Amino acid sequence: MADRRGPKLKGPVNEKEMKIFEGLCEIQCTLKEIASAFDVTKDTIIKRIEEWYGEKFSTVFQQKKDRGKISLRRGQWKKAVDQKSVPMLIWLGKQYLEQTDKQDSGGPIEDLVFTSSIGEGGQIIQSIRSARDWESQKTFDVKASLEKIQNEAEDNEKATDEKAD
């Protein structure tokens, strides 16, 4: 005995079966899923739809699926506007208003300068600054900064050793 999950399309189709077909298209079902719902082959669906509408199956199928997209769009719009859904407003803004999420770091990553120094308590202080900031100071010298860090580390190590004694 066959598993019947819906009305079976056989012989001439009726208005009720066409409404079911249209509804399945509107929720974006595939041809395979529609055939399964009616417990028939894909070829049977194609044949019956072409007979009923007098047009190619692909044309009818796309028209009915597009109706579902319109309904979905309407629902999204209502959610965004009527219910003031911020995520939906953002999404729609990106889709239709060419809005984007932009994060400006002040320039490309290669324009950033990483520095490291040792504070009074021996903690390492690290920072990332824009290369433009360093250029304006005109005092940045990598070698001198490295020597300073090494000297501070040595001084802190000596101070720690003296406290331990």
C-alpha atoms as a PDB file:
ATOM      1  CA  MET A   1       0.000   0.000   0.000  1.00  0.00           C
ATOM      2  CA  ALA A   2       1.457   3.367  -1.030  1.00  0.00           C
ATOM      3  CA  ASP A   3       2.102   6.111   1.499  1.00  0.00           C
ATOM      4  CA  ARG A   4      -0.295   8.930   0.575  1.00  0.00           C
ATOM      5  CA  ARG A   5       0.786  12.323   1.880  1.00  0.00           C
ATOM      6  CA  GLY A   6      -1.622  14.425  -0.057  1.00  0.00           C
ATOM      7  CA  PRO A   7      -4.191  14.387  -2.827  1.00  0.00           C
ATOM      8  CA  LYS A   8      -3.067  12.251  -5.751  1.00  0.00           C
ATOM      9  CA  LEU A   9      -2.966  13.925  -9.138  1.00  0.00           C
ATOM     10  CA  LYS A  10      -4.462  11.552 -11.660  1.00  0.00           C
ATOM     11  CA  GLY A  11      -6.610  12.242 -14.631  1.00  0.00           C
ATOM     12  CA  PRO A  12      -7.979  15.771 -14.803  1.00  0.00           C
ATOM     13  CA  VAL A  13      -6.905  18.022 -11.960  1.00  0.00           C
ATOM     14  CA  ASN A  14      -9.309  20.180 -10.013  1.00  0.00           C
ATOM     15  CA  GLU A  15      -9.275  23.633  -8.454  1.00  0.00           C
ATOM     16  CA  LYS A  16      -8.481  22.306  -4.947  1.00  0.00           C
ATOM     17  CA  GLU A  17      -5.408  20.392  -6.165  1.00  0.00           C
ATOM     18  CA  MET A  18      -4.166  23.449  -8.032  1.00  0.00           C
ATOM     19  CA  LYS A  19      -4.451  25.560  -4.866  1.00  0.00           C
ATOM     20  CA  ILE A  20      -2.358  22.964  -3.043  1.00  0.00           C
ATOM     21  CA  PHE A  21       0.195  23.004  -5.889  1.00  0.00           C
ATOM     22  CA  GLU A  22       0.347  26.816  -5.812  1.00  0.00           C
ATOM     23  CA  GLY A  23       0.757  26.837  -2.044  1.00  0.00           C
ATOM     24  CA  LEU A  24       3.656  24.402  -2.246  1.00  0.00           C
ATOM     25  CA  CYS A  25       5.308  26.569  -4.897  1.00  0.00           C
ATOM     26  CA  GLU A  26       4.828  29.682  -2.766  1.00  0.00           C
ATOM     27  CA  ILE A  27       6.716  28.123   0.143  1.00  0.00           C
ATOM     28  CA  GLN A  28       9.546  27.390  -2.317  1.00  0.00           C
ATOM     29  CA  CYS A  29       9.128  23.602  -2.514  1.00  0.00           C
ATOM     30  CA  THR A  30      11.125  21.816  -5.189  1.00  0.00           C
ATOM     31  CA  LEU A  31       9.495  19.804  -7.982  1.00  0.00           C
ATOM     32  CA  LYS A  32      10.635  16.636  -6.207  1.00  0.00           C
ATOM     33  CA  GLU A  33       8.950  17.745  -2.968  1.00  0.00           C
ATOM     34  CA  ILE A  34       5.726  18.654  -4.772  1.00  0.00           C
ATOM     35  CA  ALA A  35       5.645  15.284  -6.540  1.00  0.00           C
ATOM     36  CA  SER A  36       6.200  13.586  -3.184  1.00  0.00           C
ATOM     37  CA  ALA A  37       3.343  15.554  -1.593  1.00  0.00           C
ATOM     38  CA  PHE A  38       0.983  14.313  -4.319  1.00  0.00           C
ATOM     39  CA  ASP A  39       2.514  10.813  -4.325  1.00  0.00           C
ATOM     40  CA  VAL A  40       3.261  10.905  -8.058  1.00  0.00           C
ATOM     41  CA  THR A  41       6.325  11.255 -10.256  1.00  0.00           C
ATOM     42  CA  LYS A  42       7.847  14.580 -11.277  1.00  0.00           C
ATOM     43  CA  ASP A  43       6.826  13.861 -14.872  1.00  0.00           C
ATOM     44  CA  THR A  44       3.182  13.501 -13.801  1.00  0.00           C
ATOM     45  CA  ILE A  45       3.293  16.871 -12.039  1.00  0.00           C
ATOM     46  CA  ILE A  46       4.837  18.523 -15.097  1.00  0.00           C
ATOM     47  CA  LYS A  47       2.257  16.962 -17.439  1.00  0.00           C
ATOM     48  CA  ARG A  48      -0.752  17.889 -15.276  1.00  0.00           C
ATOM     49  CA  ILE A  49       0.393  21.454 -14.662  1.00  0.00           C
ATOM     50  CA  GLU A  50       1.039  22.053 -18.369  1.00  0.00           C
ATOM     51  CA  GLU A  51      -2.409  20.646 -19.180  1.00  0.00           C
ATOM     52  CA  TRP A  52      -4.136  22.785 -16.540  1.00  0.00           C
ATOM     53  CA  TYR A  53      -2.417  26.106 -17.242  1.00  0.00           C
ATOM     54  CA  GLY A  54      -1.676  25.651 -20.956  1.00  0.00           C
ATOM     55  CA  GLU A  55       1.875  26.906 -20.403  1.00  0.00           C
ATOM     56  CA  LYS A  56       5.268  25.319 -19.875  1.00  0.00           C
ATOM     57  CA  PHE A  57       5.747  23.945 -16.390  1.00  0.00           C
ATOM     58  CA  SER A  58       8.885  26.035 -15.749  1.00  0.00           C
ATOM     59  CA  THR A  59       6.966  29.263 -16.455  1.00  0.00           C
ATOM     60  CA  VAL A  60       4.070  28.381 -14.144  1.00  0.00           C
ATOM     61  CA  PHE A  61       6.416  27.038 -11.456  1.00  0.00           C
ATOM     62  CA  GLN A  62       8.479  30.247 -11.432  1.00  0.00           C
ATOM     63  CA  GLN A  63       5.396  32.500 -11.337  1.00  0.00           C
ATOM     64  CA  LYS A  64       3.969  30.651  -8.352  1.00  0.00           C
ATOM     65  CA  LYS A  65       7.323  30.622  -6.517  1.00  0.00           C
ATOM     66  CA  ASP A  66       7.633  34.380  -7.114  1.00  0.00           C
ATOM     67  CA  ARG A  67       4.290  34.926  -5.369  1.00  0.00           C
ATOM     68  CA  GLY A  68       5.769  33.261  -2.306  1.00  0.00           C
ATOM     69  CA  LYS A  69       8.783  35.564  -2.458  1.00  0.00           C
ATOM     70  CA  ILE A  70       6.463  38.571  -2.550  1.00  0.00           C
ATOM     71  CA  SER A  71       4.680  37.281   0.531  1.00  0.00           C
ATOM     72  CA  LEU A  72       7.988  36.687   2.299  1.00  0.00           C
ATOM     73  CA  ARG A  73       9.201  40.189   1.410  1.00  0.00           C
ATOM     74  CA  ARG A  74       5.941  41.668   2.705  1.00  0.00           C
ATOM     75  CA  GLY A  75       6.408  39.797   5.990  1.00  0.00           C
ATOM     76  CA  GLN A  76       9.981  41.044   6.349  1.00  0.00           C
ATOM     77  CA  TRP A  77       8.915  44.595   5.609  1.00  0.00           C
ATOM     78  CA  LYS A  78       6.120  44.455   8.182  1.00  0.00           C
ATOM     79  CA  LYS A  79       8.491  43.005  10.783  1.00  0.00           C
ATOM     80  CA  ALA A  80      11.000  45.785  10.134  1.00  0.00           C
ATOM     81  CA  VAL A  81       8.618  48.718   9.965  1.00  0.00           C
ATOM     82  CA  ASP A  82       5.550  47.788  12.010  1.00  0.00           C
ATOM     83  CA  GLN A  83       7.360  45.866  14.743  1.00  0.00           C
ATOM     84  CA  LYS A  84      10.477  48.074  14.681  1.00  0.00           C
ATOM     85  CA  SER A  85      12.815  45.079  14.309  1.00  0.00           C
ATOM     86  CA  VAL A  86      16.308  46.609  14.275  1.00  0.00           C
ATOM     87  CA  PRO A  87      18.026  43.534  12.761  1.00  0.00           C
ATOM     88  CA  MET A  88      15.458  43.427   9.968  1.00  0.00           C
ATOM     89  CA  LEU A  89      15.799  47.182   9.345  1.00  0.00           C
ATOM     90  CA  ILE A  90      19.582  46.766   9.103  1.00  0.00           C
ATOM     91  CA  TRP A  91      19.248  43.796   6.755  1.00  0.00           C
ATOM     92  CA  LEU A  92      16.787  45.603   4.481  1.00  0.00           C
ATOM     93  CA  GLY A  93      19.031  48.692   4.491  1.00  0.00           C
ATOM     94  CA  LYS A  94      21.936  46.569   3.292  1.00  0.00           C
ATOM     95  CA  GLN A  95      19.805  44.907   0.602  1.00  0.00           C
ATOM     96  CA  TYR A  96      18.074  47.962  -0.831  1.00  0.00           C
ATOM     97  CA  LEU A  97      19.928  51.066   0.308  1.00  0.00           C
ATOM     98  CA  GLU A  98      23.491  49.805  -0.258  1.00  0.00           C
ATOM     99  CA  GLN A  99      24.311  50.303   3.424  1.00  0.00           C
ATOM    100  CA  THR A 100      27.280  48.383   4.808  1.00  0.00           C
ATOM    101  CA  ASP A 101      29.068  47.693   8.068  1.00  0.00           C
ATOM    102  CA  LYS A 102      32.324  49.651   7.958  1.00  0.00           C
ATOM    103  CA  GLN A 103      35.081  49.549  10.497  1.00  0.00           C
ATOM    104  CA  ASP A 104      37.731  52.184   9.926  1.00  0.00           C
ATOM    105  CA  SER A 105      41.107  51.459  11.496  1.00  0.00           C
ATOM    106  CA  GLY A 106      42.536  54.724  10.205  1.00  0.00           C
ATOM    107  CA  GLY A 107      44.299  53.022   7.340  1.00  0.00           C
ATOM    108  CA  PRO A 108      45.509  49.698   6.090  1.00  0.00           C
ATOM    109  CA  ILE A 109      46.994  47.310   8.635  1.00  0.00           C
ATOM    110  CA  GLU A 110      50.508  47.985   7.347  1.00  0.00           C
ATOM    111  CA  ASP A 111      50.057  51.594   8.474  1.00  0.00           C
ATOM    112  CA  LEU A 112      49.845  50.542  12.123  1.00  0.00           C
ATOM    113  CA  VAL A 113      52.806  50.620  14.521  1.00  0.00           C
ATOM    114  CA  PHE A 114      53.089  48.177  17.408  1.00  0.00           C
ATOM    115  CA  THR A 115      55.064  49.329  20.453  1.00  0.00           C
ATOM    116  CA  SER A 116      55.949  47.674  23.683  1.00  0.00           C
ATOM    117  CA  SER A 117      57.456  49.100  26.868  1.00  0.00           C
ATOM    118  CA  ILE A 118      57.845  48.148  30.499  1.00  0.00           C
ATOM    119  CA  GLY A 119      56.027  50.114  33.159  1.00  0.00           C
ATOM    120  CA  GLU A 120      57.164  50.959  36.695  1.00  0.00           C
ATOM    121  CA  GLY A 121      55.781  47.744  38.175  1.00  0.00           C
ATOM    122  CA  GLY A 122      57.492  45.604  35.564  1.00  0.00           C
ATOM    123  CA  GLN A 123      54.329  45.098  33.535  1.00  0.00           C
ATOM    124  CA  ILE A 124      54.610  45.140  29.765  1.00  0.00           C
ATOM    125  CA  ILE A 125      52.703  47.985  28.159  1.00  0.00           C
ATOM    126  CA  GLN A 126      51.775  47.409  24.551  1.00  0.00           C
ATOM    127  CA  SER A 127      50.010  49.686  22.162  1.00  0.00           C
ATOM    128  CA  ILE A 128      49.051  49.957  18.541  1.00  0.00           C
ATOM    129  CA  ARG A 129      49.029  53.383  16.992  1.00  0.00           C
ATOM    130  CA  SER A 130      48.588  54.766  13.539  1.00  0.00           C
ATOM    131  CA  ALA A 131      51.807  55.310  11.611  1.00  0.00           C
ATOM    132  CA  ARG A 132      50.570  58.841  10.942  1.00  0.00           C
ATOM    133  CA  ASP A 133      50.681  59.564  14.690  1.00  0.00           C
ATOM    134  CA  TRP A 134      54.279  58.424  14.842  1.00  0.00           C
ATOM    135  CA  GLU A 135      55.257  60.419  11.768  1.00  0.00           C
ATOM    136  CA  SER A 136      53.920  63.591  13.334  1.00  0.00           C
ATOM    137  CA  GLN A 137      56.063  63.068  16.440  1.00  0.00           C
ATOM    138  CA  LYS A 138      59.273  62.732  14.403  1.00  0.00           C
ATOM    139  CA  THR A 139      60.906  61.065  17.399  1.00  0.00           C
ATOM    140  CA  PHE A 140      60.153  57.437  16.729  1.00  0.00           C
ATOM    141  CA  ASP A 141      63.315  55.396  16.489  1.00  0.00           C
ATOM    142  CA  VAL A 142      62.909  51.636  16.564  1.00  0.00           C
ATOM    143  CA  LYS A 143      66.462  50.944  17.657  1.00  0.00           C
ATOM    144  CA  ALA A 144      66.362  53.486  20.494  1.00  0.00           C
ATOM    145  CA  SER A 145      62.972  52.173  21.656  1.00  0.00           C
ATOM    146  CA  LEU A 146      64.252  48.609  21.649  1.00  0.00           C
ATOM    147  CA  GLU A 147      67.318  49.581  23.656  1.00  0.00           C
ATOM    148  CA  LYS A 148      65.123  51.463  26.124  1.00  0.00           C
ATOM    149  CA  ILE A 149      62.876  48.418  26.583  1.00  0.00           C
ATOM    150  CA  GLN A 150      65.890  46.158  27.119  1.00  0.00           C
ATOM    151  CA  ASN A 151      67.415  48.572  29.644  1.00  0.00           C
ATOM    152  CA  GLU A 152      64.128  48.882  31.546  1.00  0.00           C
ATOM    153  CA  ALA A 153      63.798  45.105  31.608  1.00  0.00           C
ATOM    154  CA  GLU A 154      67.316  44.741  32.980  1.00  0.00           C
ATOM    155  CA  ASP A 155      66.686  47.447  35.611  1.00  0.00           C
ATOM    156  CA  ASN A 156      63.450  45.778  36.688  1.00  0.00           C
ATOM    157  CA  GLU A 157      65.195  42.416  36.869  1.00  0.00           C
ATOM    158  CA  LYS A 158      67.933  43.892  39.073  1.00  0.00           C
ATOM    159  CA  ALA A 159      65.331  45.559  41.311  1.00  0.00           C
ATOM    160  CA  THR A 160      63.475  42.294  41.646  1.00  0.00           C
ATOM    161  CA  ASP A 161      66.679  40.439  42.518  1.00  0.00           C
ATOM    162  CA  GLU A 162      67.600  43.056  45.142  1.00  0.00           C
ATOM    163  CA  LYS A 163      64.140  42.758  46.752  1.00  0.00           C
ATOM    164  CA  ALA A 164      64.532  38.984  46.867  1.00  0.00           C
ATOM    165  CA  ASP A 165      67.887  39.261  48.737  1.00  0.00           C
END
